[in-house]
Amino acid sequence: MALPPHQDLIACPHCDTLHVAAELPDGARAACQRCHAVLQTAQPGALISVVSLAVAAIVLMVVAVSFPFMDLDVSGNHNATSVFNAIAAFNTGLAVPLAVAVALFIVVLPVTRLLAIIYAISPLLRGAPPRPLARKAFGLAESLRPWAMAEIFMVGVTVALIKVADLATVTLGPAFWAFAALVVITVFKDQLMNRYAIWEALDKATPAD
């Protein structure tokens, strides 16, 4: 039996199983038959929500980097720190690569991914042609997804707080809650994003880069 044209096939991002793409009714989802990962969604207004959430995430990242993350009180001695101060603390000797890695994985790469998503798909909201290199920008956003580790950072911080709580009084600052909200927004945004539909829209509207 002949296979359908390649543009009608969609590969599972987790197990690479090929499926035939289909038009979905509003509110429906299509999942991989092998690993059950979500492949397609049909949410009316999803693109608007994705762009709005991406903008909100950038604002939250600015708050998370700029404001105090937590305050430690040990026997009356206070020590407030921010994400920026934590990165800057590793600014000498062999710790410099660690500072660079922390800055990249929890700040630079997540923000780069968010900006690439906004750049690539925001013209689609108003039916305008995509911007130059929109497909490459969206491809960059997808390739950075495993490396944008704000949520991993929050897991590590939570584990550290559990251990420190017995030794000091910990007061969570606005940056902590901004990071927590950022993680929730990022997960929700990725669930809303119909990558197949976005690629299809960019391919139809954009000449080869």
N, C-alpha and C. Protein backbone atom coordinates (compact mmCIF):
# COMPACT_ATOMS: atom_id res chain seq x y z
N MET A 1 0.85 -1.20 0.00
CA MET A 1 0.00 0.00 0.00
C MET A 1 0.88 1.24 0.00
N ALA A 2 0.56 2.19 -0.86
CA ALA A 2 1.36 3.40 -0.97
C ALA A 2 1.18 4.27 0.27
N LEU A 3 2.28 4.88 0.69
CA LEU A 3 2.23 5.78 1.83
C LEU A 3 1.69 7.13 1.40
N PRO A 4 1.05 7.86 2.30
CA PRO A 4 0.58 9.20 1.98
C PRO A 4 1.75 10.14 1.78
N PRO A 5 1.54 11.29 1.14
CA PRO A 5 2.63 12.24 0.94
C PRO A 5 3.25 12.64 2.26
N HIS A 6 4.57 12.99 2.21
CA HIS A 6 5.30 13.25 3.44
C HIS A 6 4.72 14.41 4.24
N GLN A 7 4.10 15.38 3.57
CA GLN A 7 3.56 16.52 4.32
C GLN A 7 2.33 16.16 5.14
N ASP A 8 1.77 14.96 4.89
CA ASP A 8 0.62 14.51 5.66
C ASP A 8 1.01 13.58 6.80
N LEU A 9 2.30 13.41 7.02
CA LEU A 9 2.78 12.56 8.10
C LEU A 9 3.33 13.41 9.23
N ILE A 10 3.16 12.92 10.44
CA ILE A 10 3.70 13.61 11.61
C ILE A 10 4.42 12.58 12.47
N ALA A 11 5.64 12.92 12.88
CA ALA A 11 6.45 12.01 13.69
C ALA A 11 6.32 12.37 15.16
N CYS A 12 6.19 11.36 15.98
CA CYS A 12 6.13 11.58 17.43
C CYS A 12 7.47 12.13 17.90
N PRO A 13 7.49 13.23 18.65
CA PRO A 13 8.77 13.80 19.10
C PRO A 13 9.47 12.94 20.14
N HIS A 14 8.78 11.95 20.71
CA HIS A 14 9.37 11.11 21.75
C HIS A 14 9.88 9.77 21.22
N CYS A 15 9.07 9.11 20.39
CA CYS A 15 9.46 7.77 19.93
C CYS A 15 9.63 7.67 18.42
N ASP A 16 9.39 8.78 17.70
CA ASP A 16 9.58 8.85 16.24
C ASP A 16 8.61 8.00 15.43
N THR A 17 7.55 7.51 16.04
CA THR A 17 6.54 6.77 15.28
C THR A 17 5.81 7.72 14.33
N LEU A 18 5.63 7.31 13.10
CA LEU A 18 4.96 8.14 12.11
C LEU A 18 3.44 7.92 12.18
N HIS A 19 2.72 9.04 12.08
CA HIS A 19 1.26 8.99 12.05
C HIS A 19 0.77 9.85 10.90
N VAL A 20 -0.41 9.56 10.44
CA VAL A 20 -1.04 10.38 9.41
C VAL A 20 -1.72 11.56 10.09
N ALA A 21 -1.35 12.78 9.68
CA ALA A 21 -1.97 13.97 10.26
C ALA A 21 -3.43 14.06 9.84
N ALA A 22 -4.24 14.60 10.72
CA ALA A 22 -5.68 14.68 10.44
C ALA A 22 -6.23 16.00 10.94
N GLU A 23 -7.32 16.43 10.34
CA GLU A 23 -8.04 17.60 10.83
C GLU A 23 -8.80 17.21 12.10
N LEU A 24 -8.60 17.98 13.15
CA LEU A 24 -9.23 17.66 14.43
C LEU A 24 -10.37 18.62 14.72
N PRO A 25 -11.44 18.14 15.33
CA PRO A 25 -12.49 19.05 15.79
C PRO A 25 -11.99 19.90 16.94
N ASP A 26 -12.62 21.04 17.16
CA ASP A 26 -12.20 21.95 18.23
C ASP A 26 -12.20 21.22 19.57
N GLY A 27 -11.10 21.45 20.31
CA GLY A 27 -10.98 20.87 21.64
C GLY A 27 -10.41 19.47 21.66
N ALA A 28 -10.16 18.86 20.48
CA ALA A 28 -9.67 17.48 20.43
C ALA A 28 -8.15 17.44 20.47
N ARG A 29 -7.63 16.27 20.82
CA ARG A 29 -6.19 16.03 20.82
C ARG A 29 -5.92 14.71 20.12
N ALA A 30 -4.77 14.65 19.44
CA ALA A 30 -4.32 13.40 18.83
C ALA A 30 -3.05 12.97 19.54
N ALA A 31 -3.01 11.71 19.98
CA ALA A 31 -1.87 11.20 20.74
C ALA A 31 -1.18 10.07 19.96
N CYS A 32 0.08 9.88 20.27
CA CYS A 32 0.86 8.80 19.65
C CYS A 32 0.28 7.45 20.06
N GLN A 33 0.16 6.56 19.10
CA GLN A 33 -0.39 5.23 19.38
C GLN A 33 0.58 4.37 20.19
N ARG A 34 1.87 4.71 20.13
CA ARG A 34 2.86 3.89 20.84
C ARG A 34 3.11 4.40 22.26
N CYS A 35 3.45 5.72 22.40
CA CYS A 35 3.85 6.24 23.72
C CYS A 35 2.82 7.20 24.31
N HIS A 36 1.77 7.50 23.55
CA HIS A 36 0.66 8.34 24.01
C HIS A 36 1.05 9.81 24.23
N ALA A 37 2.17 10.24 23.66
CA ALA A 37 2.51 11.66 23.71
C ALA A 37 1.54 12.45 22.83
N VAL A 38 1.23 13.68 23.24
CA VAL A 38 0.31 14.51 22.46
C VAL A 38 1.00 14.99 21.19
N LEU A 39 0.37 14.73 20.04
CA LEU A 39 0.94 15.12 18.75
C LEU A 39 0.28 16.37 18.19
N GLN A 40 -1.03 16.44 18.28
CA GLN A 40 -1.78 17.57 17.73
C GLN A 40 -2.86 17.98 18.71
N THR A 41 -3.16 19.26 18.70
CA THR A 41 -4.29 19.76 19.47
C THR A 41 -5.07 20.71 18.58
N ALA A 42 -6.33 20.89 18.90
CA ALA A 42 -7.18 21.84 18.16
C ALA A 42 -7.89 22.71 19.19
N GLN A 43 -7.20 23.74 19.62
CA GLN A 43 -7.74 24.65 20.62
C GLN A 43 -7.98 26.01 19.97
N PRO A 44 -9.23 26.44 19.83
CA PRO A 44 -9.49 27.76 19.25
C PRO A 44 -8.78 28.85 20.05
N GLY A 45 -8.10 29.73 19.33
CA GLY A 45 -7.39 30.81 20.00
C GLY A 45 -6.10 30.39 20.67
N ALA A 46 -5.60 29.18 20.34
CA ALA A 46 -4.40 28.68 21.02
C ALA A 46 -3.18 29.54 20.71
N LEU A 47 -3.05 30.02 19.47
CA LEU A 47 -1.89 30.83 19.12
C LEU A 47 -1.84 32.12 19.93
N ILE A 48 -3.01 32.75 20.11
CA ILE A 48 -3.05 33.97 20.92
C ILE A 48 -2.61 33.66 22.35
N SER A 49 -3.08 32.55 22.86
CA SER A 49 -2.71 32.15 24.22
C SER A 49 -1.22 31.87 24.32
N VAL A 50 -0.66 31.20 23.31
CA VAL A 50 0.77 30.87 23.34
C VAL A 50 1.62 32.13 23.35
N VAL A 51 1.30 33.08 22.47
CA VAL A 51 2.07 34.32 22.42
C VAL A 51 1.90 35.12 23.70
N SER A 52 0.67 35.19 24.21
CA SER A 52 0.43 35.92 25.46
C SER A 52 1.20 35.31 26.62
N LEU A 53 1.20 33.98 26.70
CA LEU A 53 1.93 33.32 27.77
C LEU A 53 3.43 33.50 27.61
N ALA A 54 3.92 33.52 26.38
CA ALA A 54 5.35 33.74 26.15
C ALA A 54 5.76 35.14 26.61
N VAL A 55 4.95 36.13 26.31
CA VAL A 55 5.24 37.50 26.76
C VAL A 55 5.20 37.57 28.29
N ALA A 56 4.19 36.94 28.89
CA ALA A 56 4.10 36.92 30.35
C ALA A 56 5.32 36.24 30.96
N ALA A 57 5.80 35.17 30.32
CA ALA A 57 6.97 34.45 30.84
C ALA A 57 8.21 35.32 30.80
N ILE A 58 8.36 36.14 29.75
CA ILE A 58 9.52 37.03 29.68
C ILE A 58 9.45 38.07 30.81
N VAL A 59 8.28 38.62 31.06
CA VAL A 59 8.12 39.58 32.16
C VAL A 59 8.47 38.92 33.49
N LEU A 60 7.98 37.70 33.70
CA LEU A 60 8.28 36.99 34.93
C LEU A 60 9.77 36.69 35.06
N MET A 61 10.45 36.41 33.95
CA MET A 61 11.88 36.16 34.00
C MET A 61 12.63 37.41 34.43
N VAL A 62 12.21 38.58 33.94
CA VAL A 62 12.83 39.83 34.37
C VAL A 62 12.67 40.01 35.88
N VAL A 63 11.47 39.74 36.38
CA VAL A 63 11.23 39.84 37.83
C VAL A 63 12.07 38.83 38.58
N ALA A 64 12.15 37.61 38.06
CA ALA A 64 12.88 36.55 38.74
C ALA A 64 14.37 36.84 38.84
N VAL A 65 14.91 37.51 37.83
CA VAL A 65 16.34 37.81 37.83
C VAL A 65 16.64 39.08 38.65
N SER A 66 15.72 40.00 38.69
CA SER A 66 15.99 41.32 39.26
C SER A 66 15.72 41.41 40.76
N PHE A 67 14.71 40.69 41.24
CA PHE A 67 14.28 40.85 42.63
C PHE A 67 14.89 39.77 43.52
N PRO A 68 14.85 39.96 44.84
CA PRO A 68 15.40 38.95 45.76
C PRO A 68 14.70 37.61 45.60
N PHE A 69 15.50 36.56 45.61
CA PHE A 69 14.96 35.22 45.46
C PHE A 69 14.55 34.64 46.81
N MET A 70 15.40 34.84 47.80
CA MET A 70 15.09 34.38 49.15
C MET A 70 15.95 35.12 50.15
N ASP A 71 15.52 35.05 51.40
CA ASP A 71 16.27 35.66 52.50
C ASP A 71 16.49 34.60 53.57
N LEU A 72 17.75 34.44 53.97
CA LEU A 72 18.11 33.47 55.00
C LEU A 72 18.42 34.21 56.30
N ASP A 73 17.85 33.74 57.38
CA ASP A 73 18.10 34.32 58.70
C ASP A 73 18.68 33.23 59.60
N VAL A 74 19.97 33.40 59.92
CA VAL A 74 20.66 32.44 60.80
C VAL A 74 21.15 33.20 62.03
N SER A 75 20.52 32.96 63.16
CA SER A 75 20.92 33.60 64.43
C SER A 75 20.94 35.12 64.30
N GLY A 76 19.97 35.66 63.62
CA GLY A 76 19.86 37.11 63.48
C GLY A 76 20.64 37.69 62.32
N ASN A 77 21.41 36.88 61.61
CA ASN A 77 22.16 37.35 60.45
C ASN A 77 21.34 37.09 59.18
N HIS A 78 21.06 38.18 58.46
CA HIS A 78 20.24 38.09 57.25
C HIS A 78 21.13 38.06 56.01
N ASN A 79 20.73 37.26 55.06
CA ASN A 79 21.44 37.20 53.79
C ASN A 79 20.42 37.03 52.68
N ALA A 80 20.15 38.12 51.97
CA ALA A 80 19.21 38.09 50.85
C ALA A 80 20.00 37.95 49.55
N THR A 81 19.49 37.14 48.65
CA THR A 81 20.18 36.93 47.38
C THR A 81 19.18 36.88 46.25
N SER A 82 19.66 37.18 45.05
CA SER A 82 18.86 37.09 43.84
C SER A 82 19.52 36.10 42.89
N VAL A 83 18.84 35.75 41.83
CA VAL A 83 19.42 34.85 40.83
C VAL A 83 20.67 35.47 40.23
N PHE A 84 20.62 36.75 39.95
CA PHE A 84 21.79 37.44 39.39
C PHE A 84 22.97 37.38 40.35
N ASN A 85 22.72 37.61 41.64
CA ASN A 85 23.80 37.54 42.63
C ASN A 85 24.37 36.14 42.75
N ALA A 86 23.48 35.14 42.65
CA ALA A 86 23.95 33.75 42.72
C ALA A 86 24.85 33.42 41.55
N ILE A 87 24.50 33.91 40.37
CA ILE A 87 25.35 33.68 39.20
C ILE A 87 26.67 34.42 39.34
N ALA A 88 26.60 35.68 39.80
CA ALA A 88 27.80 36.50 39.93
C ALA A 88 28.75 35.96 41.00
N ALA A 89 28.23 35.18 41.94
CA ALA A 89 29.08 34.65 43.01
C ALA A 89 30.14 33.69 42.47
N PHE A 90 29.84 33.05 41.32
CA PHE A 90 30.80 32.12 40.71
C PHE A 90 31.57 32.83 39.59
N ASN A 91 32.27 33.88 39.95
CA ASN A 91 32.90 34.72 38.92
C ASN A 91 34.41 34.65 38.92
N THR A 92 34.99 33.70 39.64
CA THR A 92 36.44 33.61 39.67
C THR A 92 36.88 32.16 39.50
N GLY A 93 38.06 32.00 38.92
CA GLY A 93 38.70 30.70 38.85
C GLY A 93 37.90 29.65 38.11
N LEU A 94 37.95 28.44 38.67
CA LEU A 94 37.30 27.29 38.03
C LEU A 94 35.78 27.35 38.11
N ALA A 95 35.23 28.28 38.91
CA ALA A 95 33.78 28.38 39.04
C ALA A 95 33.14 29.17 37.90
N VAL A 96 33.95 29.84 37.09
CA VAL A 96 33.39 30.65 36.00
C VAL A 96 32.55 29.81 35.03
N PRO A 97 33.02 28.63 34.58
CA PRO A 97 32.16 27.81 33.70
C PRO A 97 30.82 27.46 34.33
N LEU A 98 30.80 27.26 35.66
CA LEU A 98 29.53 26.98 36.34
C LEU A 98 28.60 28.18 36.26
N ALA A 99 29.15 29.39 36.45
CA ALA A 99 28.34 30.61 36.34
C ALA A 99 27.76 30.76 34.95
N VAL A 100 28.59 30.48 33.93
CA VAL A 100 28.13 30.58 32.55
C VAL A 100 27.02 29.57 32.28
N ALA A 101 27.21 28.33 32.77
CA ALA A 101 26.20 27.30 32.55
C ALA A 101 24.89 27.65 33.23
N VAL A 102 24.95 28.14 34.48
CA VAL A 102 23.73 28.52 35.19
C VAL A 102 23.00 29.64 34.46
N ALA A 103 23.76 30.65 34.03
CA ALA A 103 23.14 31.78 33.32
C ALA A 103 22.50 31.32 32.01
N LEU A 104 23.18 30.41 31.30
CA LEU A 104 22.65 29.94 30.02
C LEU A 104 21.37 29.13 30.21
N PHE A 105 21.42 28.15 31.11
CA PHE A 105 20.33 27.18 31.20
C PHE A 105 19.08 27.72 31.88
N ILE A 106 19.24 28.68 32.81
CA ILE A 106 18.05 29.14 33.52
C ILE A 106 17.59 30.53 33.12
N VAL A 107 18.42 31.26 32.35
CA VAL A 107 18.02 32.61 31.94
C VAL A 107 18.12 32.80 30.43
N VAL A 108 19.32 32.68 29.88
CA VAL A 108 19.55 33.05 28.47
C VAL A 108 18.78 32.15 27.52
N LEU A 109 18.91 30.84 27.66
CA LEU A 109 18.23 29.93 26.72
C LEU A 109 16.71 29.98 26.84
N PRO A 110 16.13 30.00 28.07
CA PRO A 110 14.67 30.15 28.14
C PRO A 110 14.17 31.44 27.50
N VAL A 111 14.87 32.56 27.73
CA VAL A 111 14.43 33.83 27.14
C VAL A 111 14.59 33.79 25.62
N THR A 112 15.70 33.22 25.15
CA THR A 112 15.90 33.10 23.69
C THR A 112 14.79 32.28 23.06
N ARG A 113 14.40 31.19 23.72
CA ARG A 113 13.32 30.35 23.18
C ARG A 113 12.00 31.12 23.14
N LEU A 114 11.71 31.85 24.19
CA LEU A 114 10.46 32.62 24.23
C LEU A 114 10.43 33.69 23.14
N LEU A 115 11.54 34.40 22.97
CA LEU A 115 11.61 35.43 21.93
C LEU A 115 11.47 34.82 20.54
N ALA A 116 12.08 33.64 20.33
CA ALA A 116 11.97 32.98 19.02
C ALA A 116 10.53 32.58 18.73
N ILE A 117 9.82 32.09 19.75
CA ILE A 117 8.41 31.73 19.55
C ILE A 117 7.58 32.95 19.19
N ILE A 118 7.78 34.04 19.92
CA ILE A 118 7.02 35.27 19.64
C ILE A 118 7.34 35.78 18.24
N TYR A 119 8.62 35.78 17.88
CA TYR A 119 9.03 36.26 16.55
C TYR A 119 8.41 35.42 15.45
N ALA A 120 8.39 34.10 15.65
CA ALA A 120 7.96 33.20 14.57
C ALA A 120 6.47 33.21 14.34
N ILE A 121 5.67 33.24 15.41
CA ILE A 121 4.24 32.98 15.22
C ILE A 121 3.34 34.19 15.44
N SER A 122 3.87 35.28 16.01
CA SER A 122 2.97 36.42 16.26
C SER A 122 2.34 36.99 15.00
N PRO A 123 3.04 37.03 13.82
CA PRO A 123 2.34 37.52 12.62
C PRO A 123 1.16 36.64 12.21
N LEU A 124 1.20 35.35 12.55
CA LEU A 124 0.11 34.45 12.18
C LEU A 124 -1.19 34.81 12.88
N LEU A 125 -1.10 35.52 14.00
CA LEU A 125 -2.30 35.88 14.74
C LEU A 125 -3.21 36.81 13.95
N ARG A 126 -2.60 37.67 13.15
CA ARG A 126 -3.38 38.63 12.37
C ARG A 126 -3.43 38.29 10.89
N GLY A 127 -3.03 37.06 10.55
CA GLY A 127 -3.09 36.62 9.18
C GLY A 127 -2.04 37.22 8.28
N ALA A 128 -0.99 37.80 8.86
CA ALA A 128 0.08 38.41 8.08
C ALA A 128 1.10 37.35 7.67
N PRO A 129 1.88 37.62 6.62
CA PRO A 129 2.94 36.69 6.24
C PRO A 129 3.97 36.58 7.37
N PRO A 130 4.56 35.41 7.53
CA PRO A 130 5.59 35.26 8.57
C PRO A 130 6.78 36.17 8.31
N ARG A 131 7.49 36.51 9.37
CA ARG A 131 8.69 37.33 9.24
C ARG A 131 9.80 36.52 8.56
N PRO A 132 10.82 37.20 8.04
CA PRO A 132 11.96 36.47 7.46
C PRO A 132 12.57 35.53 8.48
N LEU A 133 12.94 34.35 8.03
CA LEU A 133 13.57 33.33 8.87
C LEU A 133 12.66 32.85 10.01
N ALA A 134 11.35 32.99 9.82
CA ALA A 134 10.43 32.56 10.87
C ALA A 134 10.54 31.06 11.13
N ARG A 135 10.70 30.28 10.07
CA ARG A 135 10.82 28.84 10.26
C ARG A 135 12.07 28.47 11.05
N LYS A 136 13.18 29.18 10.75
CA LYS A 136 14.42 28.91 11.49
C LYS A 136 14.28 29.34 12.95
N ALA A 137 13.56 30.43 13.18
CA ALA A 137 13.34 30.87 14.56
C ALA A 137 12.52 29.85 15.34
N PHE A 138 11.48 29.32 14.71
CA PHE A 138 10.67 28.32 15.41
C PHE A 138 11.44 27.02 15.59
N GLY A 139 12.27 26.67 14.59
CA GLY A 139 13.13 25.50 14.73
C GLY A 139 14.12 25.68 15.88
N LEU A 140 14.65 26.90 16.03
CA LEU A 140 15.54 27.18 17.16
C LEU A 140 14.81 27.01 18.48
N ALA A 141 13.57 27.53 18.55
CA ALA A 141 12.79 27.40 19.77
C ALA A 141 12.57 25.94 20.12
N GLU A 142 12.29 25.11 19.11
CA GLU A 142 12.08 23.69 19.37
C GLU A 142 13.37 22.99 19.79
N SER A 143 14.49 23.37 19.17
CA SER A 143 15.76 22.73 19.54
C SER A 143 16.23 23.12 20.93
N LEU A 144 15.81 24.30 21.40
CA LEU A 144 16.21 24.75 22.73
C LEU A 144 15.32 24.20 23.84
N ARG A 145 14.21 23.59 23.48
CA ARG A 145 13.26 23.14 24.49
C ARG A 145 13.90 22.22 25.54
N PRO A 146 14.73 21.24 25.17
CA PRO A 146 15.31 20.39 26.23
C PRO A 146 16.36 21.10 27.08
N TRP A 147 16.86 22.25 26.58
CA TRP A 147 17.97 22.92 27.27
C TRP A 147 17.53 24.12 28.09
N ALA A 148 16.29 24.51 27.99
CA ALA A 148 15.75 25.61 28.80
C ALA A 148 15.28 25.02 30.13
N MET A 149 16.07 25.18 31.16
CA MET A 149 15.90 24.36 32.37
C MET A 149 15.43 25.14 33.58
N ALA A 150 14.55 26.11 33.40
CA ALA A 150 14.05 26.85 34.55
C ALA A 150 13.33 25.93 35.53
N GLU A 151 12.58 24.96 34.99
CA GLU A 151 11.85 24.05 35.88
C GLU A 151 12.80 23.13 36.65
N ILE A 152 13.93 22.73 36.03
CA ILE A 152 14.92 21.92 36.74
C ILE A 152 15.54 22.73 37.86
N PHE A 153 15.78 24.00 37.60
CA PHE A 153 16.31 24.89 38.62
C PHE A 153 15.37 24.97 39.82
N MET A 154 14.07 25.07 39.56
CA MET A 154 13.10 25.17 40.65
C MET A 154 13.05 23.87 41.46
N VAL A 155 13.20 22.73 40.80
CA VAL A 155 13.23 21.45 41.54
C VAL A 155 14.45 21.42 42.46
N GLY A 156 15.61 21.84 41.93
CA GLY A 156 16.82 21.87 42.75
C GLY A 156 16.69 22.82 43.93
N VAL A 157 16.10 23.99 43.68
CA VAL A 157 15.92 24.96 44.76
C VAL A 157 14.99 24.40 45.83
N THR A 158 13.91 23.74 45.41
CA THR A 158 12.96 23.18 46.38
C THR A 158 13.63 22.14 47.26
N VAL A 159 14.44 21.28 46.66
CA VAL A 159 15.17 20.27 47.44
C VAL A 159 16.13 20.94 48.41
N ALA A 160 16.83 21.98 47.94
CA ALA A 160 17.77 22.69 48.82
C ALA A 160 17.04 23.37 49.97
N LEU A 161 15.86 23.94 49.70
CA LEU A 161 15.11 24.62 50.76
C LEU A 161 14.68 23.65 51.85
N ILE A 162 14.32 22.44 51.45
CA ILE A 162 13.92 21.43 52.44
C ILE A 162 15.08 21.12 53.38
N LYS A 163 16.29 21.07 52.84
CA LYS A 163 17.46 20.77 53.65
C LYS A 163 17.87 21.96 54.52
N VAL A 164 17.70 23.18 54.00
CA VAL A 164 18.13 24.38 54.72
C VAL A 164 17.12 24.78 55.79
N ALA A 165 15.87 24.38 55.62
CA ALA A 165 14.81 24.85 56.52
C ALA A 165 15.09 24.53 57.98
N ASP A 166 15.80 23.43 58.25
CA ASP A 166 16.10 23.06 59.64
C ASP A 166 17.25 23.88 60.22
N LEU A 167 18.00 24.55 59.36
CA LEU A 167 19.19 25.28 59.81
C LEU A 167 18.99 26.78 59.86
N ALA A 168 18.03 27.30 59.12
CA ALA A 168 17.84 28.74 59.05
C ALA A 168 16.37 29.04 58.76
N THR A 169 16.00 30.29 59.05
CA THR A 169 14.66 30.76 58.70
C THR A 169 14.70 31.28 57.27
N VAL A 170 13.89 30.69 56.42
CA VAL A 170 13.90 31.03 55.00
C VAL A 170 12.66 31.84 54.66
N THR A 171 12.87 33.01 54.08
CA THR A 171 11.77 33.84 53.59
C THR A 171 11.86 33.91 52.07
N LEU A 172 10.83 33.44 51.41
CA LEU A 172 10.83 33.42 49.95
C LEU A 172 10.52 34.80 49.40
N GLY A 173 11.33 35.25 48.45
CA GLY A 173 11.16 36.56 47.85
C GLY A 173 10.29 36.52 46.61
N PRO A 174 10.03 37.69 46.03
CA PRO A 174 9.18 37.75 44.82
C PRO A 174 9.77 36.98 43.64
N ALA A 175 11.09 36.89 43.57
CA ALA A 175 11.71 36.17 42.45
C ALA A 175 11.38 34.69 42.50
N PHE A 176 11.29 34.12 43.70
CA PHE A 176 10.93 32.71 43.82
C PHE A 176 9.55 32.45 43.23
N TRP A 177 8.59 33.29 43.61
CA TRP A 177 7.22 33.10 43.13
C TRP A 177 7.12 33.40 41.63
N ALA A 178 7.96 34.34 41.16
CA ALA A 178 7.99 34.61 39.71
C ALA A 178 8.50 33.40 38.95
N PHE A 179 9.55 32.76 39.48
CA PHE A 179 10.07 31.56 38.84
C PHE A 179 9.04 30.43 38.88
N ALA A 180 8.35 30.28 40.01
CA ALA A 180 7.33 29.24 40.11
C ALA A 180 6.22 29.46 39.08
N ALA A 181 5.77 30.72 38.95
CA ALA A 181 4.75 31.05 37.95
C ALA A 181 5.29 30.83 36.54
N LEU A 182 6.56 31.14 36.33
CA LEU A 182 7.18 30.95 35.02
C LEU A 182 7.15 29.47 34.61
N VAL A 183 7.44 28.59 35.55
CA VAL A 183 7.43 27.16 35.25
C VAL A 183 6.03 26.70 34.87
N VAL A 184 5.02 27.14 35.62
CA VAL A 184 3.64 26.75 35.34
C VAL A 184 3.22 27.27 33.96
N ILE A 185 3.54 28.52 33.68
CA ILE A 185 3.18 29.12 32.39
C ILE A 185 3.87 28.39 31.24
N THR A 186 5.14 28.04 31.42
CA THR A 186 5.88 27.34 30.36
C THR A 186 5.25 25.99 30.06
N VAL A 187 4.89 25.25 31.09
CA VAL A 187 4.26 23.94 30.88
C VAL A 187 2.91 24.11 30.17
N PHE A 188 2.13 25.07 30.61
CA PHE A 188 0.82 25.30 30.00
C PHE A 188 0.97 25.74 28.55
N LYS A 189 1.94 26.61 28.29
CA LYS A 189 2.18 27.09 26.93
C LYS A 189 2.56 25.95 26.00
N ASP A 190 3.45 25.07 26.46
CA ASP A 190 3.88 23.96 25.62
C ASP A 190 2.75 22.97 25.36
N GLN A 191 1.82 22.84 26.31
CA GLN A 191 0.68 21.98 26.10
C GLN A 191 -0.28 22.56 25.06
N LEU A 192 -0.39 23.87 25.02
CA LEU A 192 -1.30 24.52 24.08
C LEU A 192 -0.75 24.54 22.65
N MET A 193 0.57 24.49 22.52
CA MET A 193 1.20 24.70 21.23
C MET A 193 1.01 23.50 20.30
N ASN A 194 0.35 23.72 19.19
CA ASN A 194 0.19 22.69 18.16
C ASN A 194 1.33 22.86 17.16
N ARG A 195 2.41 22.15 17.40
CA ARG A 195 3.61 22.34 16.59
C ARG A 195 3.40 21.97 15.13
N TYR A 196 2.64 20.92 14.89
CA TYR A 196 2.39 20.51 13.51
C TYR A 196 1.66 21.62 12.75
N ALA A 197 0.63 22.20 13.38
CA ALA A 197 -0.13 23.25 12.71
C ALA A 197 0.74 24.49 12.47
N ILE A 198 1.61 24.80 13.41
CA ILE A 198 2.49 25.96 13.24
C ILE A 198 3.47 25.73 12.10
N TRP A 199 4.09 24.55 12.07
CA TRP A 199 5.01 24.25 10.97
C TRP A 199 4.28 24.29 9.63
N GLU A 200 3.08 23.74 9.58
CA GLU A 200 2.31 23.73 8.35
C GLU A 200 1.99 25.15 7.89
N ALA A 201 1.59 26.03 8.84
CA ALA A 201 1.28 27.41 8.50
C ALA A 201 2.52 28.15 8.01
N LEU A 202 3.66 27.91 8.66
CA LEU A 202 4.89 28.58 8.24
C LEU A 202 5.36 28.07 6.89
N ASP A 203 5.22 26.78 6.64
CA ASP A 203 5.65 26.21 5.35
C ASP A 203 4.80 26.73 4.20
N LYS A 204 3.50 26.89 4.43
CA LYS A 204 2.62 27.36 3.37
C LYS A 204 2.81 28.83 3.05
N ALA A 205 3.16 29.61 4.09
CA ALA A 205 3.20 31.05 3.91
C ALA A 205 4.59 31.61 3.65
N THR A 206 5.63 30.78 3.83
CA THR A 206 6.98 31.26 3.74
C THR A 206 7.72 30.59 2.60
N PRO A 207 8.38 31.35 1.72
CA PRO A 207 9.24 30.72 0.72
C PRO A 207 10.43 30.08 1.40
N ALA A 208 11.10 29.19 0.69
CA ALA A 208 12.24 28.49 1.28
C ALA A 208 13.29 29.49 1.72
N ASP A 209 13.78 29.35 2.97
CA ASP A 209 14.80 30.27 3.49
C ASP A 209 16.15 29.94 2.89
